[in-house]
PDB file of N, CA and C in Angstrom:
ATOM      1  N   MET A   1      97.745 122.589  98.262  1.00  0.00           N
ATOM      2  CA  MET A   1      97.795 121.245  98.550  1.00  0.00           C
ATOM      3  C   MET A   1      96.504 120.933  99.075  1.00  0.00           C
ATOM      4  N   GLN A   2      96.066 119.685  99.057  1.00  0.00           N
ATOM      5  CA  GLN A   2      95.024 119.127  99.438  1.00  0.00           C
ATOM      6  C   GLN A   2      95.173 118.413 100.817  1.00  0.00           C
ATOM      7  N   ASN A   3      94.699 118.559 101.899  1.00  0.00           N
ATOM      8  CA  ASN A   3      94.956 117.432 103.044  1.00  0.00           C
ATOM      9  C   ASN A   3      93.896 116.471 103.103  1.00  0.00           C
ATOM     10  N   TYR A   4      94.241 115.288 103.452  1.00  0.00           N
ATOM     11  CA  TYR A   4      93.379 114.032 103.624  1.00  0.00           C
ATOM     12  C   TYR A   4      93.792 113.352 104.856  1.00  0.00           C
ATOM     13  N   SER A   5      92.706 112.664 105.492  1.00  0.00           N
ATOM     14  CA  SER A   5      92.930 111.799 106.695  1.00  0.00           C
ATOM     15  C   SER A   5      92.020 110.554 106.340  1.00  0.00           C
ATOM     16  N   TYR A   6      92.556 109.606 106.629  1.00  0.00           N
ATOM     17  CA  TYR A   6      91.625 108.224 106.378  1.00  0.00           C
ATOM     18  C   TYR A   6      91.772 107.309 107.514  1.00  0.00           C
ATOM     19  N   GLN A   7      90.768 106.858 108.306  1.00  0.00           N
ATOM     20  CA  GLN A   7      90.699 105.979 109.336  1.00  0.00           C
ATOM     21  C   GLN A   7      90.838 104.368 108.704  1.00  0.00           C
ATOM     22  N   THR A   8      91.797 103.811 109.050  1.00  0.00           N
ATOM     23  CA  THR A   8      92.299 102.552 108.692  1.00  0.00           C
ATOM     24  C   THR A   8      91.289 101.359 109.400  1.00  0.00           C
ATOM     25  N   ARG A   9      91.455 100.291 108.322  1.00  0.00           N
ATOM     26  CA  ARG A   9      90.709  99.261 108.887  1.00  0.00           C
ATOM     27  C   ARG A   9      91.542  97.817 108.714  1.00  0.00           C
ATOM     28  N   GLY A  10      91.554  97.115 109.758  1.00  0.00           N
ATOM     29  CA  GLY A  10      92.296  95.760 109.902  1.00  0.00           C
ATOM     30  C   GLY A  10      93.960  95.648 110.104  1.00  0.00           C
ATOM     31  N   VAL A  11      94.300  96.933 110.391  1.00  0.00           N
ATOM     32  CA  VAL A  11      95.834  97.229 110.777  1.00  0.00           C
ATOM     33  C   VAL A  11      96.038  98.029 111.826  1.00  0.00           C
ATOM     34  N   CYS A  12      97.437  97.636 112.359  1.00  0.00           N
ATOM     35  CA  CYS A  12      97.708  98.349 113.580  1.00  0.00           C
ATOM     36  C   CYS A  12      97.524  99.953 113.628  1.00  0.00           C
ATOM     37  N   ALA A  13      97.828 100.585 112.589  1.00  0.00           N
ATOM     38  CA  ALA A  13      97.760 102.001 112.582  1.00  0.00           C
ATOM     39  C   ALA A  13      96.324 102.365 112.413  1.00  0.00           C
ATOM     40  N   LYS A  14      95.863 103.562 113.355  1.00  0.00           N
ATOM     41  CA  LYS A  14      94.532 103.669 113.266  1.00  0.00           C
ATOM     42  C   LYS A  14      94.096 104.814 112.194  1.00  0.00           C
ATOM     43  N   LYS A  15      95.158 105.366 111.771  1.00  0.00           N
ATOM     44  CA  LYS A  15      94.830 106.652 110.806  1.00  0.00           C
ATOM     45  C   LYS A  15      95.957 106.839 110.141  1.00  0.00           C
ATOM     46  N   VAL A  16      95.768 107.497 108.748  1.00  0.00           N
ATOM     47  CA  VAL A  16      96.916 107.973 108.117  1.00  0.00           C
ATOM     48  C   VAL A  16      96.475 109.272 107.434  1.00  0.00           C
ATOM     49  N   ASP A  17      97.338 110.112 107.707  1.00  0.00           N
ATOM     50  CA  ASP A  17      97.079 111.425 106.875  1.00  0.00           C
ATOM     51  C   ASP A  17      98.149 111.755 105.972  1.00  0.00           C
ATOM     52  N   PHE A  18      97.774 112.558 104.928  1.00  0.00           N
ATOM     53  CA  PHE A  18      98.511 112.888 103.756  1.00  0.00           C
ATOM     54  C   PHE A  18      98.230 114.127 103.100  1.00  0.00           C
ATOM     55  N   ASP A  19      98.976 114.385 102.431  1.00  0.00           N
ATOM     56  CA  ASP A  19      98.776 115.853 101.353  1.00  0.00           C
ATOM     57  C   ASP A  19      98.899 115.220  99.937  1.00  0.00           C
ATOM     58  N   ILE A  20      98.145 115.999  99.078  1.00  0.00           N
ATOM     59  CA  ILE A  20      98.409 115.824  97.555  1.00  0.00           C
ATOM     60  C   ILE A  20      98.328 116.929  96.846  1.00  0.00           C
ATOM     61  N   GLU A  21      99.539 117.252  96.296  1.00  0.00           N
ATOM     62  CA  GLU A  21      99.702 118.639  95.585  1.00  0.00           C
ATOM     63  C   GLU A  21     100.317 118.123  94.377  1.00  0.00           C
ATOM     64  N   ASP A  22      99.483 118.729  93.070  1.00  0.00           N
ATOM     65  CA  ASP A  22      99.739 118.548  91.691  1.00  0.00           C
ATOM     66  C   ASP A  22     100.177 116.942  91.488  1.00  0.00           C
ATOM     67  N   GLY A  23      99.358 116.066  91.970  1.00  0.00           N
ATOM     68  CA  GLY A  23      99.384 114.674  91.789  1.00  0.00           C
ATOM     69  C   GLY A  23     100.544 114.023  92.742  1.00  0.00           C
ATOM     70  N   LYS A  24     101.224 114.761  93.530  1.00  0.00           N
ATOM     71  CA  LYS A  24     102.276 114.194  94.116  1.00  0.00           C
ATOM     72  C   LYS A  24     102.006 114.129  95.651  1.00  0.00           C
ATOM     73  N   LEU A  25     102.595 112.908  96.345  1.00  0.00           N
ATOM     74  CA  LEU A  25     102.111 112.466  97.707  1.00  0.00           C
ATOM     75  C   LEU A  25     103.107 113.346  98.663  1.00  0.00           C
ATOM     76  N   HIS A  26     102.622 113.949  99.669  1.00  0.00           N
ATOM     77  CA  HIS A  26     103.482 114.744 100.561  1.00  0.00           C
ATOM     78  C   HIS A  26     102.945 114.329 101.995  1.00  0.00           C
ATOM     79  N   ASN A  27     104.001 114.443 103.095  1.00  0.00           N
ATOM     80  CA  ASN A  27     103.595 114.673 104.436  1.00  0.00           C
ATOM     81  C   ASN A  27     102.856 113.476 104.779  1.00  0.00           C
ATOM     82  N   VAL A  28     103.283 112.141 104.433  1.00  0.00           N
ATOM     83  CA  VAL A  28     102.366 111.034 104.783  1.00  0.00           C
ATOM     84  C   VAL A  28     102.920 110.506 106.392  1.00  0.00           C
ATOM     85  N   LYS A  29     101.926 110.478 107.191  1.00  0.00           N
ATOM     86  CA  LYS A  29     102.144 110.223 108.786  1.00  0.00           C
ATOM     87  C   LYS A  29     100.989 109.359 109.160  1.00  0.00           C
ATOM     88  N   PHE A  30     101.370 107.919 109.720  1.00  0.00           N
ATOM     89  CA  PHE A  30     100.611 107.310 110.196  1.00  0.00           C
ATOM     90  C   PHE A  30     100.321 107.486 111.821  1.00  0.00           C
ATOM     91  N   THR A  31      99.324 107.246 112.346  1.00  0.00           N
ATOM     92  CA  THR A  31      99.010 107.146 113.560  1.00  0.00           C
ATOM     93  C   THR A  31      98.730 105.869 114.257  1.00  0.00           C
ATOM     94  N   GLY A  32      99.921 105.431 114.831  1.00  0.00           N
ATOM     95  CA  GLY A  32     100.001 103.841 115.291  1.00  0.00           C
ATOM     96  C   GLY A  32     100.714 103.121 114.388  1.00  0.00           C
ATOM     97  N   GLY A  33     100.820 101.771 114.463  1.00  0.00           N
ATOM     98  CA  GLY A  33     101.348 100.868 113.623  1.00  0.00           C
ATOM     99  C   GLY A  33     102.891 100.677 113.901  1.00  0.00           C
ATOM    100  N   CYS A  34     103.596 100.262 113.338  1.00  0.00           N
ATOM    101  CA  CYS A  34     105.111 100.060 113.574  1.00  0.00           C
ATOM    102  C   CYS A  34     105.936 101.192 113.293  1.00  0.00           C
ATOM    103  N   PRO A  35     106.117 102.149 114.200  1.00  0.00           N
ATOM    104  CA  PRO A  35     106.810 103.315 113.949  1.00  0.00           C
ATOM    105  C   PRO A  35     108.004 103.372 112.903  1.00  0.00           C
ATOM    106  N   GLY A  36     108.936 102.390 113.147  1.00  0.00           N
ATOM    107  CA  GLY A  36     110.027 102.425 112.146  1.00  0.00           C
ATOM    108  C   GLY A  36     109.517 102.170 110.594  1.00  0.00           C
ATOM    109  N   ASN A  37     108.668 101.296 110.400  1.00  0.00           N
ATOM    110  CA  ASN A  37     108.177 101.147 108.976  1.00  0.00           C
ATOM    111  C   ASN A  37     107.267 102.131 108.528  1.00  0.00           C
ATOM    112  N   THR A  38     106.188 102.742 109.330  1.00  0.00           N
ATOM    113  CA  THR A  38     105.480 103.394 108.707  1.00  0.00           C
ATOM    114  C   THR A  38     106.102 104.940 108.624  1.00  0.00           C
ATOM    115  N   ALA A  39     107.019 105.223 109.330  1.00  0.00           N
ATOM    116  CA  ALA A  39     107.969 106.478 109.220  1.00  0.00           C
ATOM    117  C   ALA A  39     108.805 106.418 107.902  1.00  0.00           C
ATOM    118  N   ALA A  40     109.310 105.194 107.523  1.00  0.00           N
ATOM    119  CA  ALA A  40     109.957 104.872 106.445  1.00  0.00           C
ATOM    120  C   ALA A  40     109.100 104.952 105.077  1.00  0.00           C
ATOM    121  N   VAL A  41     108.127 104.551 105.437  1.00  0.00           N
ATOM    122  CA  VAL A  41     107.039 104.562 104.155  1.00  0.00           C
ATOM    123  C   VAL A  41     106.760 105.862 103.876  1.00  0.00           C
ATOM    124  N   GLY A  42     106.369 106.679 104.760  1.00  0.00           N
ATOM    125  CA  GLY A  42     106.270 108.196 104.623  1.00  0.00           C
ATOM    126  C   GLY A  42     107.552 108.845 103.985  1.00  0.00           C
ATOM    127  N   LYS A  43     108.919 108.605 104.287  1.00  0.00           N
ATOM    128  CA  LYS A  43     109.837 109.100 103.785  1.00  0.00           C
ATOM    129  C   LYS A  43     110.239 108.906 102.154  1.00  0.00           C
ATOM    130  N   LEU A  44     109.769 107.362 101.942  1.00  0.00           N
ATOM    131  CA  LEU A  44     110.098 106.818 100.635  1.00  0.00           C
ATOM    132  C   LEU A  44     109.106 107.381  99.754  1.00  0.00           C
ATOM    133  N   LEU A  45     107.742 107.848 100.195  1.00  0.00           N
ATOM    134  CA  LEU A  45     106.976 108.286  99.308  1.00  0.00           C
ATOM    135  C   LEU A  45     106.967 109.903  99.199  1.00  0.00           C
ATOM    136  N   GLU A  46     107.650 110.481  99.858  1.00  0.00           N
ATOM    137  CA  GLU A  46     107.516 111.754  99.746  1.00  0.00           C
ATOM    138  C   GLU A  46     107.964 112.479  98.128  1.00  0.00           C
ATOM    139  N   GLY A  47     106.937 113.265  97.776  1.00  0.00           N
ATOM    140  CA  GLY A  47     107.088 113.727  96.425  1.00  0.00           C
ATOM    141  C   GLY A  47     106.753 112.668  95.379  1.00  0.00           C
ATOM    142  N   MET A  48     106.418 111.600  95.650  1.00  0.00           N
ATOM    143  CA  MET A  48     106.122 110.554  94.655  1.00  0.00           C
ATOM    144  C   MET A  48     104.801 110.792  93.937  1.00  0.00           C
ATOM    145  N   ASP A  49     104.869 110.405  92.729  1.00  0.00           N
ATOM    146  CA  ASP A  49     103.552 110.638  91.971  1.00  0.00           C
ATOM    147  C   ASP A  49     102.573 109.542  92.932  1.00  0.00           C
ATOM    148  N   ALA A  50     101.229 110.228  92.913  1.00  0.00           N
ATOM    149  CA  ALA A  50     100.286 109.253  94.014  1.00  0.00           C
ATOM    150  C   ALA A  50      99.681 108.319  93.136  1.00  0.00           C
ATOM    151  N   GLU A  51      99.545 108.153  91.863  1.00  0.00           N
ATOM    152  CA  GLU A  51      98.977 106.890  91.319  1.00  0.00           C
ATOM    153  C   GLU A  51     100.091 105.825  91.151  1.00  0.00           C
ATOM    154  N   LYS A  52     101.374 106.495  91.050  1.00  0.00           N
ATOM    155  CA  LYS A  52     102.426 105.145  91.186  1.00  0.00           C
ATOM    156  C   LYS A  52     102.590 104.590  92.584  1.00  0.00           C
ATOM    157  N   ALA A  53     102.293 105.355  93.518  1.00  0.00           N
ATOM    158  CA  ALA A  53     102.324 104.863  94.974  1.00  0.00           C
ATOM    159  C   ALA A  53     101.341 103.960  95.161  1.00  0.00           C
ATOM    160  N   VAL A  54     100.245 104.470  94.636  1.00  0.00           N
ATOM    161  CA  VAL A  54      98.868 103.304  94.545  1.00  0.00           C
ATOM    162  C   VAL A  54      99.302 102.143  93.872  1.00  0.00           C
ATOM    163  N   ALA A  55      99.741 102.171  92.848  1.00  0.00           N
ATOM    164  CA  ALA A  55     100.496 100.876  92.213  1.00  0.00           C
ATOM    165  C   ALA A  55     101.409 100.161  92.870  1.00  0.00           C
ATOM    166  N   ILE A  56     102.152 100.617  93.494  1.00  0.00           N
ATOM    167  CA  ILE A  56     103.218  99.982  94.219  1.00  0.00           C
ATOM    168  C   ILE A  56     102.780  99.278  95.534  1.00  0.00           C
ATOM    169  N   LEU A  57     102.013 100.254  96.264  1.00  0.00           N
ATOM    170  CA  LEU A  57     101.534  99.499  97.519  1.00  0.00           C
ATOM    171  C   LEU A  57     100.247  99.010  97.527  1.00  0.00           C
ATOM    172  N   LYS A  58      99.251  99.019  96.644  1.00  0.00           N
ATOM    173  CA  LYS A  58      98.006  98.336  96.606  1.00  0.00           C
ATOM    174  C   LYS A  58      98.296  96.685  96.788  1.00  0.00           C
ATOM    175  N   GLY A  59      97.415  96.139  97.559  1.00  0.00           N
ATOM    176  CA  GLY A  59      97.498  94.668  97.821  1.00  0.00           C
ATOM    177  C   GLY A  59      98.675  94.067  98.544  1.00  0.00           C
ATOM    178  N   ASN A  60      99.702  94.829  99.310  1.00  0.00           N
ATOM    179  CA  ASN A  60     100.640  94.456 100.098  1.00  0.00           C
ATOM    180  C   ASN A  60      99.951  93.808 101.500  1.00  0.00           C
ATOM    181  N   ASP A  61     100.610  92.811 101.967  1.00  0.00           N
ATOM    182  CA  ASP A  61      99.598  91.953 103.042  1.00  0.00           C
ATOM    183  C   ASP A  61     100.702  91.957 104.067  1.00  0.00           C
ATOM    184  N   CYS A  62      99.878  92.177 105.240  1.00  0.00           N
ATOM    185  CA  CYS A  62     100.810  92.170 106.554  1.00  0.00           C
ATOM    186  C   CYS A  62     100.205  90.771 107.348  1.00  0.00           C
ATOM    187  N   ASN A  63     101.173  89.776 107.185  1.00  0.00           N
ATOM    188  CA  ASN A  63     101.154  88.693 108.165  1.00  0.00           C
ATOM    189  C   ASN A  63      99.600  87.903 107.856  1.00  0.00           C
ATOM    190  N   GLY A  64      98.967  87.881 106.580  1.00  0.00           N
ATOM    191  CA  GLY A  64      97.939  87.264 106.289  1.00  0.00           C
ATOM    192  C   GLY A  64      96.592  87.884 106.647  1.00  0.00           C
ATOM    193  N   LYS A  65      96.930  89.234 107.090  1.00  0.00           N
ATOM    194  CA  LYS A  65      95.632  89.952 107.204  1.00  0.00           C
ATOM    195  C   LYS A  65      94.774  90.357 106.243  1.00  0.00           C
ATOM    196  N   GLY A  66      95.459  90.241 104.965  1.00  0.00           N
ATOM    197  CA  GLY A  66      94.409  90.621 103.661  1.00  0.00           C
ATOM    198  C   GLY A  66      94.519  92.121 103.508  1.00  0.00           C
ATOM    199  N   THR A  67      95.412  92.855 104.351  1.00  0.00           N
ATOM    200  CA  THR A  67      95.837  94.347 104.118  1.00  0.00           C
ATOM    201  C   THR A  67      97.192  94.714 104.812  1.00  0.00           C
ATOM    202  N   SER A  68      97.356  95.655 104.805  1.00  0.00           N
ATOM    203  CA  SER A  68      98.604  96.335 105.645  1.00  0.00           C
ATOM    204  C   SER A  68      98.548  97.583 105.666  1.00  0.00           C
ATOM    205  N   CYS A  69      99.397  98.427 106.323  1.00  0.00           N
ATOM    206  CA  CYS A  69      99.371  99.870 106.547  1.00  0.00           C
ATOM    207  C   CYS A  69      99.617 100.538 105.102  1.00  0.00           C
ATOM    208  N   ALA A  70     100.448  99.829 104.542  1.00  0.00           N
ATOM    209  CA  ALA A  70     100.781 100.384 103.015  1.00  0.00           C
ATOM    210  C   ALA A  70      99.545 100.177 101.916  1.00  0.00           C
ATOM    211  N   ASP A  71      98.735  99.009 102.213  1.00  0.00           N
ATOM    212  CA  ASP A  71      97.799  98.906 101.457  1.00  0.00           C
ATOM    213  C   ASP A  71      96.706  99.839 101.871  1.00  0.00           C
ATOM    214  N   GLN A  72      96.525 100.013 103.118  1.00  0.00           N
ATOM    215  CA  GLN A  72      95.461 100.938 103.361  1.00  0.00           C
ATOM    216  C   GLN A  72      95.677 102.268 102.955  1.00  0.00           C
ATOM    217  N   LEU A  73      96.973 102.820 102.982  1.00  0.00           N
ATOM    218  CA  LEU A  73      97.350 104.101 102.581  1.00  0.00           C
ATOM    219  C   LEU A  73      97.114 104.248 101.061  1.00  0.00           C
ATOM    220  N   ALA A  74      97.337 103.016 100.161  1.00  0.00           N
ATOM    221  CA  ALA A  74      97.038 103.041  98.927  1.00  0.00           C
ATOM    222  C   ALA A  74      95.443 103.249  98.739  1.00  0.00           C
ATOM    223  N   ILE A  75      94.622 102.366  99.393  1.00  0.00           N
ATOM    224  CA  ILE A  75      93.178 102.637  99.480  1.00  0.00           C
ATOM    225  C   ILE A  75      92.815 104.031  99.646  1.00  0.00           C
ATOM    226  N   ALA A  76      93.311 104.537 100.624  1.00  0.00           N
ATOM    227  CA  ALA A  76      93.159 105.872 100.940  1.00  0.00           C
ATOM    228  C   ALA A  76      93.501 106.929  99.788  1.00  0.00           C
ATOM    229  N   VAL A  77      94.817 106.939  99.252  1.00  0.00           N
ATOM    230  CA  VAL A  77      95.209 107.648  98.222  1.00  0.00           C
ATOM    231  C   VAL A  77      94.296 107.438  96.872  1.00  0.00           C
ATOM    232  N   GLU A  78      93.831 106.290  96.514  1.00  0.00           N
ATOM    233  CA  GLU A  78      92.972 105.923  95.456  1.00  0.00           C
ATOM    234  C   GLU A  78      91.599 106.956  95.661  1.00  0.00           C
ATOM    235  N   GLN A  79      91.031 106.718  96.754  1.00  0.00           N
ATOM    236  CA  GLN A  79      89.892 107.214  97.163  1.00  0.00           C
ATOM    237  C   GLN A  79      90.015 108.883  97.102  1.00  0.00           C
ATOM    238  N   ALA A  80      91.188 109.357  97.394  1.00  0.00           N
ATOM    239  CA  ALA A  80      91.357 111.003  97.306  1.00  0.00           C
ATOM    240  C   ALA A  80      91.467 111.206  95.733  1.00  0.00           C
ATOM    241  N   LEU A  81      92.346 110.444  95.189  1.00  0.00           N
ATOM    242  CA  LEU A  81      92.338 110.838  93.858  1.00  0.00           C
ATOM    243  C   LEU A  81      91.171 110.679  93.024  1.00  0.00           C
ATOM    244  N   ALA A  82      90.083 109.887  93.385  1.00  0.00           N
ATOM    245  CA  ALA A  82      88.802 109.719  92.764  1.00  0.00           C
ATOM    246  C   ALA A  82      87.751 110.738  92.828  1.00  0.00           C
ATOM    247  N   ASN A  83      87.922 111.452  93.927  1.00  0.00           N
ATOM    248  CA  ASN A  83      87.330 112.673  94.609  1.00  0.00           C
ATOM    249  C   ASN A  83      87.659 113.975  93.816  1.00  0.00           C
TER     250      ASN A  83
END
């Protein structure tokens, strides 16, 4: 299992940590942000194909910020998959 940590930009959450194993997301945890929403995102994504998660989350906007915690996670996962 490969562990990743990503410093977010432009959102309330300061960081997101996650694992990828066999192309699947595990243990998604945000530091900061809206606790209920970020915990729910982590639960919904547990075991999901990482590429599918990126496709679903990328581009989601929070209140006109041009990004969101979910979008930041998608960016982080996309970068992890590229490496």
